[in-house]
Amino acid sequence: MTHKLELLDKYVPPSTKITLIGHSVGCKVILDMEARNTRHNYHKFYFLFPMIEQMLATPSGSAIWAPVNIFRVPIVLLLALINVILPDWLLKQILAKVYPEAPKEFLIAASRFRNPNYLNNCFMMAKDEMKVVLDLDVDTIRNMVGRLHLYYGTTDGWCPLEYRVRMLEAVPELEQEARVCDRGIAHAFVEKSGSEMANIVGDWMVEKK
């Protein structure tokens, strides 16, 4: 998060109106950026499927706790073996079968996780995130009212709707800005709904000008 603030300090004039769009735990990064911001003009925030509190307590967080903590080393070793014996073309075919609706760009990115270093880094990052994404920063959320817009999924294992309810109990002013998806878009929307999500956010931004 610090390096993102340093990037803005170096390249973006303080007078610039900045719109920040975050997805999942990226929303927590933006939340922390706002809490520490003393210089820049954050004009609007769009939080998509926001993972901003109690990450380990979520269904998905609970499910991956053991893999990233107890089984991380054997999983990474297995992936290292697969990396040696599985041809790239075959891996991409397998991914295309598993994700039949995914765009080509997603399949290319997913295939790179055959590199055990990539997966190990992701596991370590997830482990760290579950230790630091804890209580909701209600004070910062309140300071963002009028600029913050949120989009929640109906079956989101990383951000269950009860988190939306709890946030609105603390900051009821966000009731109209905490939208609930009515299209069945998944938390990992890049798998097959990237363009649809982009259109939703684009229309939303025009609406909120």
N, C-alpha and C. Protein backbone atom coordinates (compact mmCIF):
# COMPACT_ATOMS: atom_id res chain seq x y z
N MET A 1 0.83 -1.20 0.00
CA MET A 1 0.00 0.00 0.00
C MET A 1 0.87 1.25 0.00
N THR A 2 1.96 1.22 0.75
CA THR A 2 2.83 2.38 0.84
C THR A 2 3.39 2.77 -0.51
N HIS A 3 3.77 1.76 -1.30
CA HIS A 3 4.36 2.09 -2.61
C HIS A 3 3.34 2.73 -3.55
N LYS A 4 2.06 2.43 -3.35
CA LYS A 4 1.02 3.06 -4.18
C LYS A 4 0.89 4.54 -3.82
N LEU A 5 0.96 4.85 -2.53
CA LEU A 5 0.94 6.25 -2.11
C LEU A 5 2.16 6.99 -2.63
N GLU A 6 3.31 6.33 -2.59
CA GLU A 6 4.54 6.95 -3.09
C GLU A 6 4.45 7.19 -4.59
N LEU A 7 3.81 6.27 -5.31
CA LEU A 7 3.62 6.44 -6.75
C LEU A 7 2.77 7.67 -7.05
N LEU A 8 1.67 7.83 -6.30
CA LEU A 8 0.83 9.01 -6.48
C LEU A 8 1.58 10.28 -6.13
N ASP A 9 2.33 10.25 -5.03
CA ASP A 9 3.10 11.43 -4.62
C ASP A 9 4.08 11.85 -5.70
N LYS A 10 4.65 10.87 -6.38
CA LYS A 10 5.70 11.17 -7.35
C LYS A 10 5.15 11.63 -8.69
N TYR A 11 4.02 11.06 -9.13
CA TYR A 11 3.58 11.28 -10.50
C TYR A 11 2.25 12.01 -10.66
N VAL A 12 1.46 12.14 -9.59
CA VAL A 12 0.12 12.72 -9.73
C VAL A 12 0.03 14.01 -8.92
N PRO A 13 -0.26 15.14 -9.58
CA PRO A 13 -0.40 16.41 -8.85
C PRO A 13 -1.53 16.34 -7.83
N PRO A 14 -1.38 16.99 -6.68
CA PRO A 14 -2.41 16.94 -5.63
C PRO A 14 -3.77 17.45 -6.08
N SER A 15 -3.80 18.31 -7.09
CA SER A 15 -5.08 18.89 -7.54
C SER A 15 -5.88 17.93 -8.42
N THR A 16 -5.27 16.84 -8.86
CA THR A 16 -5.94 15.91 -9.77
C THR A 16 -7.07 15.17 -9.06
N LYS A 17 -8.22 15.08 -9.72
CA LYS A 17 -9.33 14.29 -9.19
C LYS A 17 -9.07 12.82 -9.51
N ILE A 18 -8.94 12.01 -8.48
CA ILE A 18 -8.58 10.61 -8.65
C ILE A 18 -9.77 9.71 -8.34
N THR A 19 -10.07 8.79 -9.25
CA THR A 19 -11.07 7.75 -9.00
C THR A 19 -10.35 6.43 -8.81
N LEU A 20 -10.62 5.76 -7.71
CA LEU A 20 -9.98 4.49 -7.40
C LEU A 20 -11.01 3.37 -7.46
N ILE A 21 -10.68 2.32 -8.19
CA ILE A 21 -11.56 1.16 -8.34
C ILE A 21 -10.82 -0.05 -7.77
N GLY A 22 -11.43 -0.72 -6.81
CA GLY A 22 -10.80 -1.87 -6.19
C GLY A 22 -11.67 -3.10 -6.29
N HIS A 23 -11.01 -4.26 -6.31
CA HIS A 23 -11.73 -5.54 -6.31
C HIS A 23 -11.22 -6.40 -5.17
N SER A 24 -12.14 -7.01 -4.43
CA SER A 24 -11.82 -7.93 -3.36
C SER A 24 -10.92 -7.26 -2.32
N VAL A 25 -9.76 -7.87 -2.01
CA VAL A 25 -8.89 -7.31 -0.99
C VAL A 25 -8.22 -6.01 -1.47
N GLY A 26 -8.28 -5.76 -2.78
CA GLY A 26 -7.80 -4.47 -3.29
C GLY A 26 -8.58 -3.31 -2.70
N CYS A 27 -9.84 -3.57 -2.33
CA CYS A 27 -10.65 -2.53 -1.69
C CYS A 27 -10.09 -2.19 -0.31
N LYS A 28 -9.55 -3.19 0.37
CA LYS A 28 -8.93 -2.95 1.67
C LYS A 28 -7.68 -2.09 1.51
N VAL A 29 -6.93 -2.33 0.45
CA VAL A 29 -5.74 -1.52 0.16
C VAL A 29 -6.16 -0.06 -0.04
N ILE A 30 -7.22 0.16 -0.82
CA ILE A 30 -7.69 1.52 -1.08
C ILE A 30 -8.20 2.16 0.22
N LEU A 31 -8.88 1.37 1.03
CA LEU A 31 -9.37 1.88 2.32
C LEU A 31 -8.21 2.37 3.17
N ASP A 32 -7.13 1.62 3.20
CA ASP A 32 -5.96 2.03 3.97
C ASP A 32 -5.28 3.25 3.34
N MET A 33 -5.32 3.33 2.01
CA MET A 33 -4.76 4.51 1.33
C MET A 33 -5.52 5.77 1.72
N GLU A 34 -6.85 5.65 1.77
CA GLU A 34 -7.67 6.80 2.16
C GLU A 34 -7.40 7.20 3.61
N ALA A 35 -7.23 6.21 4.48
CA ALA A 35 -6.99 6.49 5.89
C ALA A 35 -5.68 7.25 6.08
N ARG A 36 -4.70 6.99 5.21
CA ARG A 36 -3.39 7.62 5.36
C ARG A 36 -3.18 8.81 4.42
N ASN A 37 -4.19 9.10 3.59
CA ASN A 37 -4.03 10.17 2.61
C ASN A 37 -4.07 11.55 3.27
N THR A 38 -3.09 12.35 2.98
CA THR A 38 -3.07 13.73 3.48
C THR A 38 -2.86 14.73 2.35
N ARG A 39 -2.77 14.24 1.12
CA ARG A 39 -2.33 15.11 0.04
C ARG A 39 -3.23 15.10 -1.19
N HIS A 40 -3.74 13.95 -1.57
CA HIS A 40 -4.42 13.85 -2.85
C HIS A 40 -5.94 13.95 -2.74
N ASN A 41 -6.55 14.27 -3.89
CA ASN A 41 -7.98 14.45 -3.98
C ASN A 41 -8.62 13.18 -4.53
N TYR A 42 -9.04 12.29 -3.64
CA TYR A 42 -9.75 11.09 -4.06
C TYR A 42 -11.21 11.46 -4.31
N HIS A 43 -11.56 11.50 -5.57
CA HIS A 43 -12.88 12.00 -5.98
C HIS A 43 -13.98 10.96 -5.79
N LYS A 44 -13.72 9.73 -6.25
CA LYS A 44 -14.70 8.64 -6.14
C LYS A 44 -13.99 7.33 -5.85
N PHE A 45 -14.72 6.43 -5.20
CA PHE A 45 -14.24 5.07 -4.92
C PHE A 45 -15.30 4.08 -5.39
N TYR A 46 -14.87 3.04 -6.09
CA TYR A 46 -15.77 1.97 -6.49
C TYR A 46 -15.19 0.65 -5.96
N PHE A 47 -15.92 0.04 -5.04
CA PHE A 47 -15.48 -1.21 -4.41
C PHE A 47 -16.30 -2.36 -4.98
N LEU A 48 -15.64 -3.28 -5.68
CA LEU A 48 -16.31 -4.41 -6.31
C LEU A 48 -16.06 -5.68 -5.49
N PHE A 49 -17.14 -6.28 -5.00
CA PHE A 49 -17.03 -7.48 -4.18
C PHE A 49 -15.99 -7.26 -3.08
N PRO A 50 -16.23 -6.25 -2.23
CA PRO A 50 -15.19 -5.78 -1.31
C PRO A 50 -14.86 -6.74 -0.15
N MET A 51 -13.61 -7.13 -0.07
CA MET A 51 -13.13 -7.94 1.04
C MET A 51 -12.38 -6.99 1.97
N ILE A 52 -13.09 -6.36 2.91
CA ILE A 52 -12.51 -5.29 3.72
C ILE A 52 -12.58 -5.57 5.22
N GLU A 53 -13.04 -6.76 5.59
CA GLU A 53 -13.07 -7.09 7.02
C GLU A 53 -13.11 -8.61 7.22
N GLN A 54 -12.56 -9.05 8.33
CA GLN A 54 -12.65 -10.44 8.80
C GLN A 54 -12.50 -11.46 7.67
N MET A 55 -11.37 -11.41 7.00
CA MET A 55 -11.14 -12.29 5.85
C MET A 55 -11.16 -13.77 6.23
N LEU A 56 -10.51 -14.11 7.34
CA LEU A 56 -10.43 -15.51 7.74
C LEU A 56 -11.80 -16.08 8.10
N ALA A 57 -12.72 -15.23 8.55
CA ALA A 57 -14.04 -15.70 8.99
C ALA A 57 -14.97 -16.01 7.82
N THR A 58 -14.61 -15.62 6.61
CA THR A 58 -15.47 -15.87 5.46
C THR A 58 -15.40 -17.34 5.06
N PRO A 59 -16.40 -17.84 4.34
CA PRO A 59 -16.35 -19.24 3.87
C PRO A 59 -15.10 -19.55 3.04
N SER A 60 -14.73 -18.64 2.13
CA SER A 60 -13.55 -18.88 1.30
C SER A 60 -12.27 -18.78 2.10
N GLY A 61 -12.22 -17.83 3.02
CA GLY A 61 -11.04 -17.69 3.86
C GLY A 61 -10.81 -18.93 4.71
N SER A 62 -11.89 -19.44 5.29
CA SER A 62 -11.78 -20.66 6.11
C SER A 62 -11.32 -21.84 5.26
N ALA A 63 -11.79 -21.89 4.01
CA ALA A 63 -11.48 -23.03 3.14
C ALA A 63 -10.01 -23.06 2.73
N ILE A 64 -9.39 -21.90 2.57
CA ILE A 64 -8.00 -21.90 2.10
C ILE A 64 -6.98 -21.78 3.23
N TRP A 65 -7.46 -21.66 4.47
CA TRP A 65 -6.52 -21.51 5.59
C TRP A 65 -5.56 -22.69 5.68
N ALA A 66 -6.08 -23.90 5.59
CA ALA A 66 -5.21 -25.08 5.67
C ALA A 66 -4.24 -25.17 4.49
N PRO A 67 -4.71 -24.99 3.24
CA PRO A 67 -3.76 -25.05 2.12
C PRO A 67 -2.63 -24.03 2.21
N VAL A 68 -2.92 -22.81 2.65
CA VAL A 68 -1.86 -21.80 2.65
C VAL A 68 -0.96 -21.90 3.88
N ASN A 69 -1.40 -22.63 4.89
CA ASN A 69 -0.61 -22.74 6.12
C ASN A 69 0.00 -24.13 6.31
N ILE A 70 -0.86 -25.15 6.29
CA ILE A 70 -0.40 -26.51 6.60
C ILE A 70 0.16 -27.22 5.36
N PHE A 71 -0.53 -27.05 4.23
CA PHE A 71 -0.18 -27.83 3.04
C PHE A 71 0.54 -27.03 1.96
N ARG A 72 0.99 -25.84 2.29
CA ARG A 72 1.62 -24.98 1.28
C ARG A 72 2.84 -25.65 0.63
N VAL A 73 3.72 -26.21 1.43
CA VAL A 73 4.96 -26.78 0.88
C VAL A 73 4.67 -27.98 -0.03
N PRO A 74 3.87 -28.98 0.40
CA PRO A 74 3.60 -30.09 -0.53
C PRO A 74 2.87 -29.66 -1.80
N ILE A 75 1.97 -28.68 -1.69
CA ILE A 75 1.27 -28.20 -2.88
C ILE A 75 2.25 -27.56 -3.85
N VAL A 76 3.15 -26.74 -3.33
CA VAL A 76 4.14 -26.08 -4.18
C VAL A 76 5.08 -27.10 -4.81
N LEU A 77 5.48 -28.12 -4.06
CA LEU A 77 6.35 -29.17 -4.61
C LEU A 77 5.63 -29.94 -5.72
N LEU A 78 4.34 -30.22 -5.51
CA LEU A 78 3.56 -30.91 -6.55
C LEU A 78 3.48 -30.06 -7.81
N LEU A 79 3.28 -28.77 -7.62
CA LEU A 79 3.21 -27.87 -8.77
C LEU A 79 4.56 -27.81 -9.49
N ALA A 80 5.65 -27.86 -8.74
CA ALA A 80 6.97 -27.86 -9.35
C ALA A 80 7.13 -29.08 -10.25
N LEU A 81 6.62 -30.23 -9.80
CA LEU A 81 6.68 -31.45 -10.61
C LEU A 81 5.85 -31.30 -11.87
N ILE A 82 4.63 -30.76 -11.70
CA ILE A 82 3.77 -30.54 -12.87
C ILE A 82 4.43 -29.58 -13.85
N ASN A 83 5.11 -28.60 -13.32
CA ASN A 83 5.79 -27.61 -14.16
C ASN A 83 6.83 -28.27 -15.05
N VAL A 84 7.44 -29.34 -14.55
CA VAL A 84 8.49 -30.04 -15.30
C VAL A 84 7.91 -30.94 -16.37
N ILE A 85 6.81 -31.65 -16.04
CA ILE A 85 6.34 -32.72 -16.93
C ILE A 85 5.17 -32.33 -17.83
N LEU A 86 4.45 -31.27 -17.50
CA LEU A 86 3.25 -30.94 -18.27
C LEU A 86 3.55 -29.88 -19.33
N PRO A 87 3.36 -30.19 -20.60
CA PRO A 87 3.61 -29.20 -21.65
C PRO A 87 2.66 -28.01 -21.53
N ASP A 88 3.13 -26.85 -21.95
CA ASP A 88 2.33 -25.64 -21.84
C ASP A 88 1.03 -25.75 -22.63
N TRP A 89 1.09 -26.32 -23.82
CA TRP A 89 -0.10 -26.42 -24.67
C TRP A 89 -1.17 -27.29 -24.02
N LEU A 90 -0.71 -28.35 -23.32
CA LEU A 90 -1.67 -29.25 -22.67
C LEU A 90 -2.32 -28.57 -21.47
N LEU A 91 -1.52 -27.82 -20.72
CA LEU A 91 -2.07 -27.10 -19.58
C LEU A 91 -3.15 -26.12 -20.04
N LYS A 92 -2.90 -25.41 -21.13
CA LYS A 92 -3.88 -24.44 -21.62
C LYS A 92 -5.15 -25.13 -22.09
N GLN A 93 -5.01 -26.33 -22.66
CA GLN A 93 -6.20 -27.08 -23.07
C GLN A 93 -7.03 -27.50 -21.85
N ILE A 94 -6.32 -27.93 -20.80
CA ILE A 94 -7.02 -28.32 -19.57
C ILE A 94 -7.75 -27.13 -18.97
N LEU A 95 -7.07 -25.98 -18.93
CA LEU A 95 -7.71 -24.78 -18.38
C LEU A 95 -8.92 -24.36 -19.21
N ALA A 96 -8.82 -24.52 -20.52
CA ALA A 96 -9.95 -24.17 -21.40
C ALA A 96 -11.15 -25.06 -21.13
N LYS A 97 -10.90 -26.32 -20.74
CA LYS A 97 -11.99 -27.23 -20.40
C LYS A 97 -12.60 -26.87 -19.05
N VAL A 98 -11.74 -26.49 -18.10
CA VAL A 98 -12.21 -26.15 -16.76
C VAL A 98 -12.95 -24.82 -16.76
N TYR A 99 -12.45 -23.87 -17.59
CA TYR A 99 -13.06 -22.53 -17.66
C TYR A 99 -13.52 -22.28 -19.10
N PRO A 100 -14.59 -22.96 -19.55
CA PRO A 100 -14.99 -22.87 -20.96
C PRO A 100 -15.43 -21.48 -21.40
N GLU A 101 -15.87 -20.64 -20.46
CA GLU A 101 -16.35 -19.31 -20.83
C GLU A 101 -15.31 -18.22 -20.61
N ALA A 102 -14.14 -18.60 -20.16
CA ALA A 102 -13.11 -17.61 -19.84
C ALA A 102 -12.47 -17.06 -21.11
N PRO A 103 -12.15 -15.76 -21.12
CA PRO A 103 -11.45 -15.18 -22.27
C PRO A 103 -10.03 -15.70 -22.37
N LYS A 104 -9.44 -15.52 -23.52
CA LYS A 104 -8.08 -16.00 -23.78
C LYS A 104 -7.08 -15.40 -22.79
N GLU A 105 -7.26 -14.12 -22.48
CA GLU A 105 -6.33 -13.44 -21.57
C GLU A 105 -6.31 -14.09 -20.19
N PHE A 106 -7.50 -14.53 -19.73
CA PHE A 106 -7.57 -15.20 -18.43
C PHE A 106 -6.83 -16.53 -18.46
N LEU A 107 -6.99 -17.30 -19.54
CA LEU A 107 -6.34 -18.59 -19.64
C LEU A 107 -4.82 -18.45 -19.67
N ILE A 108 -4.35 -17.43 -20.36
CA ILE A 108 -2.90 -17.19 -20.42
C ILE A 108 -2.37 -16.85 -19.03
N ALA A 109 -3.10 -15.96 -18.32
CA ALA A 109 -2.67 -15.58 -16.97
C ALA A 109 -2.71 -16.77 -16.03
N ALA A 110 -3.78 -17.57 -16.11
CA ALA A 110 -3.92 -18.73 -15.22
C ALA A 110 -2.82 -19.76 -15.47
N SER A 111 -2.41 -19.90 -16.72
CA SER A 111 -1.38 -20.89 -17.04
C SER A 111 -0.04 -20.56 -16.40
N ARG A 112 0.17 -19.30 -16.08
CA ARG A 112 1.43 -18.90 -15.47
C ARG A 112 1.56 -19.40 -14.03
N PHE A 113 0.46 -19.83 -13.44
CA PHE A 113 0.52 -20.33 -12.07
C PHE A 113 1.11 -21.74 -12.00
N ARG A 114 1.51 -22.30 -13.16
CA ARG A 114 2.26 -23.54 -13.13
C ARG A 114 3.64 -23.30 -12.52
N ASN A 115 4.08 -22.05 -12.54
CA ASN A 115 5.35 -21.70 -11.91
C ASN A 115 5.17 -21.76 -10.40
N PRO A 116 5.87 -22.65 -9.70
CA PRO A 116 5.65 -22.81 -8.25
C PRO A 116 5.96 -21.54 -7.46
N ASN A 117 6.87 -20.70 -7.97
CA ASN A 117 7.17 -19.46 -7.26
C ASN A 117 5.96 -18.54 -7.23
N TYR A 118 5.20 -18.51 -8.33
CA TYR A 118 4.01 -17.66 -8.38
C TYR A 118 3.01 -18.11 -7.32
N LEU A 119 2.73 -19.41 -7.29
CA LEU A 119 1.73 -19.92 -6.36
C LEU A 119 2.20 -19.74 -4.91
N ASN A 120 3.47 -19.98 -4.66
CA ASN A 120 4.00 -19.80 -3.31
C ASN A 120 3.82 -18.36 -2.86
N ASN A 121 4.11 -17.41 -3.76
CA ASN A 121 3.94 -16.00 -3.42
C ASN A 121 2.48 -15.67 -3.13
N CYS A 122 1.57 -16.26 -3.90
CA CYS A 122 0.14 -16.03 -3.68
C CYS A 122 -0.30 -16.60 -2.34
N PHE A 123 0.19 -17.78 -2.01
CA PHE A 123 -0.15 -18.39 -0.73
C PHE A 123 0.36 -17.54 0.44
N MET A 124 1.59 -17.05 0.32
CA MET A 124 2.16 -16.23 1.39
C MET A 124 1.39 -14.91 1.53
N MET A 125 0.98 -14.34 0.38
CA MET A 125 0.21 -13.11 0.41
C MET A 125 -1.15 -13.35 1.08
N ALA A 126 -1.80 -14.46 0.72
CA ALA A 126 -3.10 -14.78 1.31
C ALA A 126 -2.98 -15.00 2.82
N LYS A 127 -1.92 -15.68 3.23
CA LYS A 127 -1.69 -15.90 4.66
C LYS A 127 -1.54 -14.58 5.40
N ASP A 128 -0.78 -13.66 4.81
CA ASP A 128 -0.58 -12.35 5.43
C ASP A 128 -1.89 -11.56 5.46
N GLU A 129 -2.65 -11.61 4.37
CA GLU A 129 -3.90 -10.87 4.31
C GLU A 129 -4.88 -11.32 5.39
N MET A 130 -4.93 -12.61 5.62
CA MET A 130 -5.88 -13.11 6.61
C MET A 130 -5.48 -12.73 8.03
N LYS A 131 -4.23 -12.35 8.21
CA LYS A 131 -3.78 -11.88 9.51
C LYS A 131 -4.05 -10.39 9.72
N VAL A 132 -4.14 -9.64 8.62
CA VAL A 132 -4.25 -8.18 8.75
C VAL A 132 -5.63 -7.63 8.39
N VAL A 133 -6.42 -8.38 7.60
CA VAL A 133 -7.77 -7.91 7.26
C VAL A 133 -8.71 -8.38 8.36
N LEU A 134 -8.90 -7.51 9.34
CA LEU A 134 -9.65 -7.86 10.54
C LEU A 134 -10.88 -6.98 10.69
N ASP A 135 -10.90 -6.09 11.65
CA ASP A 135 -12.09 -5.27 11.90
C ASP A 135 -12.31 -4.23 10.81
N LEU A 136 -13.56 -3.96 10.54
CA LEU A 136 -13.92 -2.93 9.55
C LEU A 136 -13.51 -1.55 10.06
N ASP A 137 -12.87 -0.79 9.19
CA ASP A 137 -12.45 0.58 9.53
C ASP A 137 -13.64 1.52 9.34
N VAL A 138 -14.51 1.53 10.32
CA VAL A 138 -15.76 2.29 10.22
C VAL A 138 -15.50 3.79 10.09
N ASP A 139 -14.53 4.31 10.79
CA ASP A 139 -14.26 5.75 10.74
C ASP A 139 -13.88 6.19 9.33
N THR A 140 -13.03 5.42 8.67
CA THR A 140 -12.63 5.77 7.30
C THR A 140 -13.81 5.62 6.35
N ILE A 141 -14.60 4.57 6.53
CA ILE A 141 -15.79 4.38 5.70
C ILE A 141 -16.71 5.59 5.82
N ARG A 142 -16.91 6.07 7.04
CA ARG A 142 -17.78 7.24 7.24
C ARG A 142 -17.22 8.46 6.51
N ASN A 143 -15.93 8.62 6.52
CA ASN A 143 -15.31 9.76 5.83
C ASN A 143 -15.46 9.68 4.31
N MET A 144 -15.78 8.49 3.79
CA MET A 144 -15.89 8.29 2.35
C MET A 144 -17.33 8.42 1.85
N VAL A 145 -18.28 8.61 2.75
CA VAL A 145 -19.68 8.74 2.36
C VAL A 145 -19.82 9.90 1.37
N GLY A 146 -20.56 9.65 0.29
CA GLY A 146 -20.71 10.64 -0.77
C GLY A 146 -19.74 10.40 -1.92
N ARG A 147 -18.70 9.61 -1.64
CA ARG A 147 -17.71 9.29 -2.68
C ARG A 147 -17.59 7.79 -2.90
N LEU A 148 -18.11 7.00 -1.96
CA LEU A 148 -17.92 5.55 -1.99
C LEU A 148 -19.15 4.84 -2.55
N HIS A 149 -18.89 3.91 -3.48
CA HIS A 149 -19.93 3.08 -4.08
C HIS A 149 -19.46 1.63 -4.04
N LEU A 150 -20.34 0.73 -3.61
CA LEU A 150 -19.96 -0.66 -3.41
C LEU A 150 -20.86 -1.60 -4.19
N TYR A 151 -20.28 -2.72 -4.62
CA TYR A 151 -21.02 -3.72 -5.41
C TYR A 151 -20.79 -5.10 -4.79
N TYR A 152 -21.88 -5.71 -4.35
CA TYR A 152 -21.80 -7.00 -3.64
C TYR A 152 -22.40 -8.12 -4.47
N GLY A 153 -21.80 -9.30 -4.36
CA GLY A 153 -22.36 -10.49 -4.98
C GLY A 153 -23.35 -11.18 -4.05
N THR A 154 -24.23 -11.98 -4.62
CA THR A 154 -25.25 -12.65 -3.81
C THR A 154 -24.74 -13.95 -3.21
N THR A 155 -23.71 -14.54 -3.81
CA THR A 155 -23.16 -15.81 -3.30
C THR A 155 -21.64 -15.69 -3.22
N ASP A 156 -21.18 -14.66 -2.58
CA ASP A 156 -19.76 -14.34 -2.53
C ASP A 156 -19.11 -14.96 -1.29
N GLY A 157 -18.23 -15.94 -1.51
CA GLY A 157 -17.57 -16.59 -0.40
C GLY A 157 -16.53 -15.74 0.30
N TRP A 158 -16.12 -14.64 -0.34
CA TRP A 158 -15.14 -13.74 0.26
C TRP A 158 -15.79 -12.54 0.93
N CYS A 159 -17.01 -12.25 0.55
CA CYS A 159 -17.70 -11.10 1.13
C CYS A 159 -19.19 -11.41 1.20
N PRO A 160 -19.60 -12.23 2.17
CA PRO A 160 -21.01 -12.59 2.28
C PRO A 160 -21.88 -11.36 2.53
N LEU A 161 -23.13 -11.46 2.15
CA LEU A 161 -24.03 -10.32 2.27
C LEU A 161 -24.22 -9.87 3.72
N GLU A 162 -23.94 -10.75 4.67
CA GLU A 162 -24.04 -10.33 6.07
C GLU A 162 -23.02 -9.23 6.38
N TYR A 163 -21.92 -9.19 5.63
CA TYR A 163 -20.94 -8.12 5.82
C TYR A 163 -21.51 -6.79 5.34
N ARG A 164 -22.30 -6.84 4.29
CA ARG A 164 -22.97 -5.62 3.81
C ARG A 164 -23.95 -5.13 4.87
N VAL A 165 -24.72 -6.05 5.43
CA VAL A 165 -25.69 -5.69 6.47
C VAL A 165 -24.99 -5.05 7.66
N ARG A 166 -23.88 -5.65 8.06
CA ARG A 166 -23.15 -5.15 9.21
C ARG A 166 -22.56 -3.77 8.94
N MET A 167 -22.07 -3.55 7.72
CA MET A 167 -21.52 -2.25 7.38
C MET A 167 -22.60 -1.18 7.39
N LEU A 168 -23.78 -1.52 6.86
CA LEU A 168 -24.87 -0.55 6.82
C LEU A 168 -25.43 -0.24 8.20
N GLU A 169 -25.31 -1.18 9.10
CA GLU A 169 -25.72 -0.89 10.48
C GLU A 169 -24.82 0.18 11.09
N ALA A 170 -23.55 0.17 10.68
CA ALA A 170 -22.59 1.16 11.20
C ALA A 170 -22.63 2.46 10.41
N VAL A 171 -22.89 2.35 9.08
CA VAL A 171 -22.91 3.53 8.21
C VAL A 171 -24.15 3.45 7.32
N PRO A 172 -25.33 3.73 7.87
CA PRO A 172 -26.58 3.59 7.10
C PRO A 172 -26.67 4.54 5.92
N GLU A 173 -25.87 5.59 5.90
CA GLU A 173 -25.90 6.54 4.79
C GLU A 173 -25.52 5.90 3.46
N LEU A 174 -24.89 4.73 3.50
CA LEU A 174 -24.43 4.07 2.28
C LEU A 174 -25.47 3.11 1.69
N GLU A 175 -26.66 3.10 2.24
CA GLU A 175 -27.70 2.16 1.82
C GLU A 175 -27.90 2.16 0.30
N GLN A 176 -28.01 3.34 -0.30
CA GLN A 176 -28.26 3.44 -1.74
C GLN A 176 -27.01 3.18 -2.57
N GLU A 177 -25.86 3.24 -1.95
CA GLU A 177 -24.61 3.08 -2.69
C GLU A 177 -23.99 1.71 -2.52
N ALA A 178 -24.64 0.85 -1.77
CA ALA A 178 -24.14 -0.52 -1.58
C ALA A 178 -25.03 -1.46 -2.40
N ARG A 179 -24.79 -1.53 -3.67
CA ARG A 179 -25.64 -2.29 -4.58
C ARG A 179 -25.39 -3.79 -4.45
N VAL A 180 -26.43 -4.56 -4.71
CA VAL A 180 -26.33 -6.02 -4.72
C VAL A 180 -26.54 -6.50 -6.15
N CYS A 181 -25.61 -7.32 -6.62
CA CYS A 181 -25.66 -7.83 -8.00
C CYS A 181 -26.94 -8.61 -8.25
N ASP A 182 -27.59 -8.33 -9.39
CA ASP A 182 -28.79 -9.07 -9.78
C ASP A 182 -28.54 -9.87 -11.06
N ARG A 183 -27.26 -10.09 -11.38
CA ARG A 183 -26.92 -10.78 -12.63
C ARG A 183 -26.17 -12.09 -12.40
N GLY A 184 -25.97 -12.44 -11.15
CA GLY A 184 -25.28 -13.69 -10.86
C GLY A 184 -23.79 -13.66 -11.14
N ILE A 185 -23.18 -12.47 -11.13
CA ILE A 185 -21.75 -12.36 -11.39
C ILE A 185 -20.98 -12.87 -10.17
N ALA A 186 -19.95 -13.67 -10.44
CA ALA A 186 -19.16 -14.26 -9.37
C ALA A 186 -18.11 -13.30 -8.85
N HIS A 187 -17.59 -13.60 -7.66
CA HIS A 187 -16.52 -12.78 -7.07
C HIS A 187 -15.35 -12.67 -8.04
N ALA A 188 -14.93 -13.80 -8.60
CA ALA A 188 -13.83 -13.80 -9.57
C ALA A 188 -14.40 -13.51 -10.96
N PHE A 189 -14.89 -12.30 -11.15
CA PHE A 189 -15.62 -11.98 -12.38
C PHE A 189 -14.72 -12.03 -13.62
N VAL A 190 -13.40 -11.97 -13.44
CA VAL A 190 -12.51 -12.00 -14.61
C VAL A 190 -12.58 -13.32 -15.34
N GLU A 191 -13.10 -14.37 -14.68
CA GLU A 191 -13.17 -15.67 -15.33
C GLU A 191 -14.09 -15.65 -16.55
N LYS A 192 -15.20 -14.93 -16.46
CA LYS A 192 -16.11 -14.93 -17.61
C LYS A 192 -16.97 -13.67 -17.73
N SER A 193 -16.88 -12.77 -16.75
CA SER A 193 -17.77 -11.60 -16.76
C SER A 193 -17.01 -10.29 -16.72
N GLY A 194 -15.77 -10.29 -17.18
CA GLY A 194 -14.96 -9.08 -17.11
C GLY A 194 -15.56 -7.92 -17.88
N SER A 195 -15.99 -8.18 -19.10
CA SER A 195 -16.57 -7.12 -19.94
C SER A 195 -17.88 -6.61 -19.35
N GLU A 196 -18.68 -7.53 -18.84
CA GLU A 196 -19.96 -7.15 -18.24
C GLU A 196 -19.73 -6.27 -17.01
N MET A 197 -18.76 -6.65 -16.18
CA MET A 197 -18.46 -5.86 -14.98
C MET A 197 -17.93 -4.49 -15.36
N ALA A 198 -17.11 -4.44 -16.40
CA ALA A 198 -16.57 -3.15 -16.86
C ALA A 198 -17.69 -2.23 -17.33
N ASN A 199 -18.67 -2.79 -18.03
CA ASN A 199 -19.80 -1.99 -18.50
C ASN A 199 -20.64 -1.48 -17.33
N ILE A 200 -20.82 -2.32 -16.32
CA ILE A 200 -21.58 -1.92 -15.13
C ILE A 200 -20.90 -0.73 -14.46
N VAL A 201 -19.59 -0.85 -14.24
CA VAL A 201 -18.86 0.22 -13.57
C VAL A 201 -18.83 1.48 -14.42
N GLY A 202 -18.66 1.30 -15.75
CA GLY A 202 -18.65 2.47 -16.64
C GLY A 202 -19.97 3.23 -16.58
N ASP A 203 -21.07 2.50 -16.64
CA ASP A 203 -22.39 3.15 -16.55
C ASP A 203 -22.58 3.81 -15.18
N TRP A 204 -22.09 3.17 -14.16
CA TRP A 204 -22.20 3.68 -12.79
C TRP A 204 -21.43 4.99 -12.66
N MET A 205 -20.26 5.03 -13.26
CA MET A 205 -19.42 6.24 -13.17
C MET A 205 -20.09 7.42 -13.89
N VAL A 206 -20.70 7.13 -15.03
CA VAL A 206 -21.42 8.18 -15.76
C VAL A 206 -22.60 8.68 -14.93
N GLU A 207 -23.30 7.73 -14.33
CA GLU A 207 -24.47 8.06 -13.50
C GLU A 207 -24.09 8.94 -12.30
N LYS A 208 -22.88 8.71 -11.75
CA LYS A 208 -22.47 9.41 -10.53
C LYS A 208 -21.67 10.67 -10.80
N LYS A 209 -21.57 11.09 -12.04
CA LYS A 209 -20.83 12.33 -12.33
C LYS A 209 -21.50 13.52 -11.68
